Amino acid sequence: MDAPAPHRFVARVIEEAQNKIHDDDVAQQFGFTGALVPGVELFARITTPLVAGWGEEWLSGGRVDVRFRRPVYDGEELLVDVDDDRLTVTGPDGEVRCLGSAGRTADRPDLTGLDGAAPADGQVADPVVGPFGSVHEPVTVEQNEWYLDAVGEPLALYRENAWAHPGMLVKAVHRLLTRNVALGPWIHTASDCRFLGVARLPALVTSHGRVTSVGRRGRNDEVRYDALVLADGEPVLHVQHTALYRLGAAG
């Protein structure tokens, strides 16, 4: 199996970022030197060489596991490299920022327990093990095209086919957390993804999720949850997702 070619891209904080960890002043309060580039936007551009190399087959049945290990700041140029199935993302200083793996195909995941739940009546301070309230949101071709421009996606096939970008689908996974939990600044730390089908737009995008664990990581509170994303009722993405949902201030 041919590996995707190495790929360089410039990481960006896009205008729609609502999480204040993506603002300089707030990020510095938590010990960072500036605004963090959102993990979902890093994920979005990490998929570029995978889609360039493996195309629709990967978008409808492949896998990628990404763990965000070091901060990435706006304007940094990153290098994505896939060697066998090992994926690394390095910064301009040669430091590894993200680690993971990728495959052209993957076994279908177990979707037990991801049948959906009623939307949440309100947000809670802390998630608990069990189902998240499901989220339903229409996604248009225009929204997708705005996102392609915002992250600097160079591949034309999303526009040519009106396919939802993988980053847009992971944003639907984020909405499970943001709609169910009252958040301050927070950090997306990992996503282990299985693609189940191409999402053609416009579509009603539905996210079902189930919290699998809640705990502490250092001075931060961490949540892990499984999510299933559907487009017009058809499964398109399964994710095991990890986030620091409450950050402890830098000492």
Protein backbone atom coordinates (compact mmCIF):
# COMPACT_ATOMS: atom_id res chain seq x y z
CA MET A 1 0.00 0.00 0.00
CA ASP A 2 1.52 3.32 -1.04
CA ALA A 3 1.86 5.85 1.75
CA PRO A 4 0.57 9.39 1.21
CA ALA A 5 3.27 11.88 0.27
CA PRO A 6 4.66 14.23 2.94
CA HIS A 7 2.66 17.44 3.12
CA ARG A 8 3.34 20.93 4.49
CA PHE A 9 0.68 23.38 5.63
CA VAL A 10 0.36 26.57 7.64
CA ALA A 11 -1.65 26.19 10.85
CA ARG A 12 -4.39 28.77 11.36
CA VAL A 13 -6.69 30.06 14.07
CA ILE A 14 -9.84 30.66 12.03
CA GLU A 15 -12.28 33.47 12.67
CA GLU A 16 -15.13 31.34 13.97
CA ALA A 17 -13.19 29.96 16.96
CA GLN A 18 -15.38 30.52 20.04
CA ASN A 19 -13.13 28.79 22.57
CA LYS A 20 -11.06 31.49 24.28
CA ILE A 21 -7.96 29.25 24.49
CA HIS A 22 -7.58 30.41 20.89
CA ASP A 23 -7.09 34.03 22.05
CA ASP A 24 -3.61 35.23 23.00
CA ASP A 25 -4.53 36.79 26.35
CA VAL A 26 -6.48 33.79 27.63
CA ALA A 27 -3.98 31.20 26.38
CA GLN A 28 -1.17 33.02 28.18
CA GLN A 29 -3.09 32.71 31.47
CA PHE A 30 -2.76 28.94 31.09
CA GLY A 31 0.96 28.99 30.39
CA PHE A 32 1.03 29.12 26.59
CA THR A 33 2.97 31.74 24.64
CA GLY A 34 -0.03 32.65 22.48
CA ALA A 35 -3.33 31.50 21.01
CA LEU A 36 -3.48 27.77 20.33
CA VAL A 37 -4.52 26.58 16.88
CA PRO A 38 -7.68 24.47 17.39
CA GLY A 39 -7.10 20.73 17.30
CA VAL A 40 -9.95 20.34 14.84
CA GLU A 41 -8.24 22.69 12.37
CA LEU A 42 -4.98 20.75 12.75
CA PHE A 43 -6.96 17.56 12.19
CA ALA A 44 -8.57 19.07 9.11
CA ARG A 45 -5.24 19.75 7.42
CA ILE A 46 -3.62 16.52 8.63
CA THR A 47 -6.23 14.76 6.47
CA THR A 48 -5.10 16.59 3.31
CA PRO A 49 -2.32 14.15 2.32
CA LEU A 50 -4.47 11.17 3.32
CA VAL A 51 -7.27 12.25 0.99
CA ALA A 52 -4.79 13.24 -1.74
CA GLY A 53 -3.25 9.78 -1.58
CA TRP A 54 -6.23 7.54 -0.87
CA GLY A 55 -9.23 9.56 -2.09
CA GLU A 56 -12.84 8.55 -1.64
CA GLU A 57 -11.86 5.09 -0.41
CA TRP A 58 -10.32 6.65 2.70
CA LEU A 59 -13.13 9.18 3.19
CA SER A 60 -15.69 6.37 3.20
CA GLY A 61 -13.81 3.58 4.96
CA GLY A 62 -10.40 4.66 6.25
CA ARG A 63 -9.07 5.55 9.66
CA VAL A 64 -6.86 8.11 11.38
CA ASP A 65 -5.81 8.44 15.01
CA VAL A 66 -4.34 11.81 16.01
CA ARG A 67 -2.97 12.81 19.42
CA PHE A 68 -2.05 16.47 19.87
CA ARG A 69 1.14 16.37 21.95
CA ARG A 70 2.57 19.90 21.85
CA PRO A 71 1.09 23.39 21.32
CA VAL A 72 0.77 24.71 17.77
CA TYR A 73 0.59 28.47 17.26
CA ASP A 74 -1.00 30.53 14.51
CA GLY A 75 1.14 30.80 11.38
CA GLU A 76 3.48 27.89 12.10
CA GLU A 77 4.34 25.66 9.15
CA LEU A 78 3.89 21.97 9.92
CA LEU A 79 5.00 18.83 8.10
CA VAL A 80 2.70 15.77 7.96
CA ASP A 81 4.48 12.49 7.26
CA VAL A 82 3.04 8.97 7.03
CA ASP A 83 5.56 6.11 7.24
CA ASP A 84 3.91 2.71 6.94
CA ASP A 85 0.88 3.46 9.17
CA ARG A 86 2.66 5.83 11.58
CA LEU A 87 1.69 9.49 11.32
CA THR A 88 3.80 12.36 12.64
CA VAL A 89 3.35 16.12 12.47
CA THR A 90 6.45 18.21 13.13
CA GLY A 91 6.86 21.94 13.63
CA PRO A 92 9.37 24.31 12.03
CA ASP A 93 11.76 23.55 14.92
CA GLY A 94 11.66 19.82 14.17
CA GLU A 95 9.67 19.07 17.34
CA VAL A 96 6.89 16.51 16.99
CA ARG A 97 3.59 18.26 17.65
CA CYS A 98 1.14 15.44 16.82
CA LEU A 99 1.42 11.66 16.70
CA GLY A 100 -0.88 8.96 15.46
CA SER A 101 -1.57 6.42 12.77
CA ALA A 102 -3.57 6.17 9.57
CA GLY A 103 -4.84 3.45 7.28
CA ARG A 104 -6.48 3.36 3.88
CA THR A 105 -9.14 0.96 5.19
CA ALA A 106 -10.41 -0.07 8.63
CA ASP A 107 -12.74 -2.55 10.24
CA ARG A 108 -16.18 -1.20 10.99
CA PRO A 109 -16.36 -0.05 14.64
CA ASP A 110 -18.82 -1.24 17.25
CA LEU A 111 -21.61 1.35 17.32
CA THR A 112 -23.44 -0.16 20.31
CA GLY A 113 -24.81 2.49 22.63
CA LEU A 114 -24.72 5.25 20.02
CA ASP A 115 -28.39 5.16 19.06
CA GLY A 116 -29.01 8.70 20.23
CA ALA A 117 -30.69 10.52 23.07
CA ALA A 118 -32.99 13.50 23.41
CA PRO A 119 -31.23 16.84 23.05
CA ALA A 120 -29.98 18.22 26.36
CA ASP A 121 -32.33 20.52 28.29
CA GLY A 122 -29.33 22.57 29.38
CA GLN A 123 -25.62 22.40 30.02
CA VAL A 124 -24.07 20.69 33.03
CA ALA A 125 -20.92 21.75 34.87
CA ASP A 126 -19.35 18.30 34.61
CA PRO A 127 -20.06 15.43 32.21
CA VAL A 128 -20.89 12.01 33.65
CA VAL A 129 -20.49 8.56 32.16
CA GLY A 130 -23.49 7.88 29.96
CA PRO A 131 -25.20 9.38 26.92
CA PHE A 132 -24.79 12.94 25.76
CA GLY A 133 -27.85 14.70 24.40
CA SER A 134 -27.83 14.31 20.64
CA VAL A 135 -27.22 17.32 18.40
CA HIS A 136 -28.95 17.97 15.06
CA GLU A 137 -27.73 20.75 12.79
CA PRO A 138 -28.15 21.46 9.06
CA VAL A 139 -24.87 21.93 7.19
CA THR A 140 -24.88 23.72 3.86
CA VAL A 141 -22.56 23.71 0.88
CA GLU A 142 -21.81 27.38 1.62
CA GLN A 143 -20.74 26.63 5.21
CA ASN A 144 -18.45 23.89 3.96
CA GLU A 145 -16.90 26.14 1.32
CA TRP A 146 -16.29 28.86 3.91
CA TYR A 147 -14.48 26.30 6.04
CA LEU A 148 -12.36 25.08 3.12
CA ASP A 149 -11.21 28.65 2.55
CA ALA A 150 -10.66 29.32 6.26
CA VAL A 151 -8.34 26.34 6.81
CA GLY A 152 -6.63 26.71 3.43
CA GLU A 153 -7.67 23.31 2.11
CA PRO A 154 -6.02 22.85 -1.33
CA LEU A 155 -7.94 19.79 -2.55
CA ALA A 156 -10.71 20.55 -5.05
CA LEU A 157 -12.75 17.35 -4.61
CA TYR A 158 -14.76 18.75 -1.69
CA ARG A 159 -16.08 21.59 -3.84
CA GLU A 160 -16.45 19.49 -6.98
CA ASN A 161 -18.54 16.84 -5.21
CA ALA A 162 -20.16 18.90 -2.39
CA TRP A 163 -18.55 16.57 0.17
CA ALA A 164 -18.30 17.66 3.79
CA HIS A 165 -14.72 18.17 4.88
CA PRO A 166 -13.54 15.82 7.68
CA GLY A 167 -12.92 18.88 9.83
CA MET A 168 -16.58 19.82 9.52
CA LEU A 169 -17.55 16.36 10.74
CA VAL A 170 -15.24 16.57 13.76
CA LYS A 171 -16.81 19.96 14.53
CA ALA A 172 -20.08 18.04 14.86
CA VAL A 173 -18.33 15.82 17.42
CA HIS A 174 -17.23 18.96 19.30
CA ARG A 175 -20.83 20.18 19.42
CA LEU A 176 -21.73 17.18 21.59
CA LEU A 177 -19.41 18.58 24.24
CA THR A 178 -20.19 22.28 23.79
CA ARG A 179 -23.97 21.79 23.77
CA ASN A 180 -24.01 19.46 26.78
CA VAL A 181 -21.31 20.93 29.05
CA ALA A 182 -20.84 24.54 30.21
CA LEU A 183 -17.28 25.24 29.14
CA GLY A 184 -14.66 27.87 29.70
CA PRO A 185 -11.40 27.55 27.79
CA TRP A 186 -10.84 23.91 26.81
CA ILE A 187 -8.48 21.81 24.67
CA HIS A 188 -9.13 19.04 22.17
CA THR A 189 -6.34 16.49 22.77
CA ALA A 190 -7.06 13.40 20.65
CA SER A 191 -9.39 11.85 18.07
CA ASP A 192 -9.40 8.23 16.91
CA CYS A 193 -11.57 8.21 13.79
CA ARG A 194 -13.21 5.64 11.53
CA PHE A 195 -14.85 6.99 8.39
CA LEU A 196 -18.06 5.18 7.45
CA GLY A 197 -19.27 7.07 4.38
CA VAL A 198 -18.93 10.32 2.48
CA ALA A 199 -21.20 13.13 3.72
CA ARG A 200 -22.83 14.86 0.75
CA LEU A 201 -24.15 18.36 1.32
CA PRO A 202 -26.51 19.93 2.05
CA ALA A 203 -27.45 17.53 4.84
CA LEU A 204 -28.87 17.35 8.33
CA VAL A 205 -25.86 16.38 10.41
CA THR A 206 -26.68 14.48 13.60
CA SER A 207 -24.25 13.62 16.38
CA HIS A 208 -24.87 10.95 19.01
CA GLY A 209 -22.41 10.48 21.85
CA ARG A 210 -21.67 8.58 25.02
CA VAL A 211 -19.22 9.64 27.75
CA THR A 212 -16.88 6.74 28.55
CA SER A 213 -14.72 8.30 31.27
CA VAL A 214 -14.19 11.50 33.26
CA GLY A 215 -11.05 12.15 35.28
CA ARG A 216 -8.01 14.30 35.93
CA ARG A 217 -4.92 14.85 33.79
CA GLY A 218 -2.44 16.90 35.77
CA ARG A 219 -4.21 20.09 36.82
CA ASN A 220 -6.94 19.68 34.18
CA ASP A 221 -10.28 17.82 33.99
CA GLU A 222 -10.52 15.35 31.12
CA VAL A 223 -13.45 13.73 29.34
CA ARG A 224 -13.45 10.87 26.86
CA TYR A 225 -16.45 10.07 24.75
CA ASP A 226 -17.51 8.04 21.75
CA ALA A 227 -19.39 9.81 18.99
CA LEU A 228 -21.27 8.81 15.86
CA VAL A 229 -21.94 11.39 13.15
CA LEU A 230 -24.68 10.86 10.56
CA ALA A 231 -25.56 12.84 7.44
CA ASP A 232 -29.25 12.61 6.56
CA GLY A 233 -29.45 9.51 8.74
CA GLU A 234 -26.48 7.67 7.20
CA PRO A 235 -23.41 7.00 9.39
CA VAL A 236 -20.34 8.87 8.14
CA LEU A 237 -17.91 9.01 11.09
CA HIS A 238 -17.19 7.28 14.39
CA VAL A 239 -14.78 8.98 16.81
CA GLN A 240 -13.26 8.15 20.17
CA HIS A 241 -12.67 11.70 21.33
CA THR A 242 -10.66 13.18 24.20
CA ALA A 243 -10.70 16.73 25.56
CA LEU A 244 -9.55 18.72 28.58
CA TYR A 245 -12.88 20.33 29.39
CA ARG A 246 -11.71 22.40 32.37
CA LEU A 247 -8.19 23.85 32.55
CA GLY A 248 -6.24 24.64 35.68
CA ALA A 249 -4.47 28.00 35.60
CA ALA A 250 -0.71 27.98 35.21
CA GLY A 251 1.10 28.01 38.54
